[in-house]
Amino acid sequence: MPRSARSETLRDSLGLGLAVGLYGAAFGAAAVAAGLSPWQASAMSLLMFTGASQFALIGVIGAGGSALAAIGSALLLGTRNTVYGVRLLPLLAPRGFRRFTTAHWVIDETTALAISAPDRVLARLAFLVGGGSIFLLWNVTTLVGAFGAAALGGAAKAALDAIVPAAFLALLWPRLRRPFPEAAVQRRVALGGAVVALVLTPFVPPGLQVIAAVVAVALAGPPRKAAAEEPA
């Protein structure tokens, strides 16, 4: 294996781990604003470790939604990790107990790092370094954000309600822009889901509009080939 390829893989994996891991602070602060204790927020990051689902769950709880709606939203968003796992299993080929630890680190970023690596050895290295750095930093910054938010006063804590939508937008934004694959399709899917959620918001309990938007987008099916192509 060329040393330059290994160094490039390590650099990219650690860089992405640092960038993504810092979002944990936003989750910790938002979780406390939604009514969770710092240790509950930390347990979510440790056991769930999938940012979009974590933000969805506390977003519904913070808006006054039921536990069932919160869990349903989180599960629907988390189903994509199952698809990632099917794609990564033959590539990473974990065995024994490593299958469980590997599955826990299957998220958007580790999947992107692994499948973009030029060979299997570098794919495993990218997944391990990227997953490890994100997991470590995400959990540390969750605690920092949670205890920081817990120390704030009532008015300042109320302002943290804006963190969940802002964090969602920050997670989504890179996927809507080139050179992310099929960015035009991603924009149409995001717009369609947003329209469904906004239309339903005045009429349904908090959380159900998120589930309805995901189901509506799924029922719409895959885009036609011509529609999936980027405009010239």
Foldseek 3Di string as FASTA:
>chain_A
DDPVLLVVLLVVLLVLLVVLLLCLLLLLLLLVLLPDALVVLLVCCQQQVEPLLSLQLSLLSSLVHDNVLSNLLSVLVPVVLVVLCVVCCVLQVDDDPVNVVLSSLRYDVLSVSLVPRPHSVSSNVSNVSNSVSNSVSSSVSSSVNNVVNVPDDDVVSNVSSVSSVVSVCVVLVVLCDPPNQLNVVSVVLVVQLVVQLVVCVVPDRRNVSSVVSSVVSVVVPDDDPVSSDDDD
